[in-house]
Amino acid sequence: MTKEEIKKLVENSKKILEQDRENFAKSIKNDLASFKKKTLDRI
């Protein structure tokens, strides 16, 4: 592998990880909102 190929792979990995992190954060926020709504509905 050349340096350029490795550089591209690292850049792509960074983009994928960042996207996964954002999706994970959104998922957690949605779960929290859902939990809060269910809790308030019970009260």
Protein backbone atom coordinates (compact mmCIF):
# COMPACT_ATOMS: atom_id res chain seq x y z
CA MET A 1 0.00 0.00 0.00
CA THR A 2 1.15 3.47 -0.74
CA LYS A 3 0.97 6.39 1.65
CA GLU A 4 -1.83 7.90 -0.40
CA GLU A 5 -3.95 4.74 -0.18
CA ILE A 6 -3.46 4.60 3.58
CA LYS A 7 -4.32 8.29 3.87
CA LYS A 8 -7.58 7.74 1.95
CA LEU A 9 -8.51 4.74 4.10
CA VAL A 10 -7.90 6.72 7.29
CA GLU A 11 -9.97 9.65 6.01
CA ASN A 12 -12.84 7.33 5.04
CA SER A 13 -12.67 5.61 8.42
CA LYS A 14 -12.84 8.98 10.18
CA LYS A 15 -15.93 9.95 8.18
CA ILE A 16 -17.64 6.63 8.91
CA LEU A 17 -16.84 6.80 12.63
CA GLU A 18 -18.10 10.38 12.86
CA GLN A 19 -21.36 9.39 11.13
CA ASP A 20 -21.77 6.37 13.42
CA ARG A 21 -21.18 8.58 16.47
CA GLU A 22 -23.82 11.06 15.32
CA ASN A 23 -26.32 8.29 14.64
CA PHE A 24 -25.62 6.78 18.06
CA ALA A 25 -26.12 10.14 19.77
CA LYS A 26 -29.41 10.68 17.92
CA SER A 27 -30.56 7.20 18.90
CA ILE A 28 -29.80 7.84 22.58
CA LYS A 29 -31.63 11.19 22.48
CA ASN A 30 -34.67 9.57 20.84
CA ASP A 31 -34.69 6.78 23.43
CA LEU A 32 -34.53 9.34 26.26
CA ALA A 33 -37.36 11.36 24.78
CA SER A 34 -39.44 8.21 24.40
CA PHE A 35 -38.69 7.15 27.97
CA LYS A 36 -39.64 10.58 29.32
CA LYS A 37 -42.92 10.52 27.37
CA LYS A 38 -43.81 7.03 28.63
CA THR A 39 -42.97 8.02 32.20
CA LEU A 40 -45.09 11.17 32.02
CA ASP A 41 -47.98 9.23 30.49
CA ARG A 42 -47.95 6.85 33.46
CA ILE A 43 -48.13 9.68 35.97
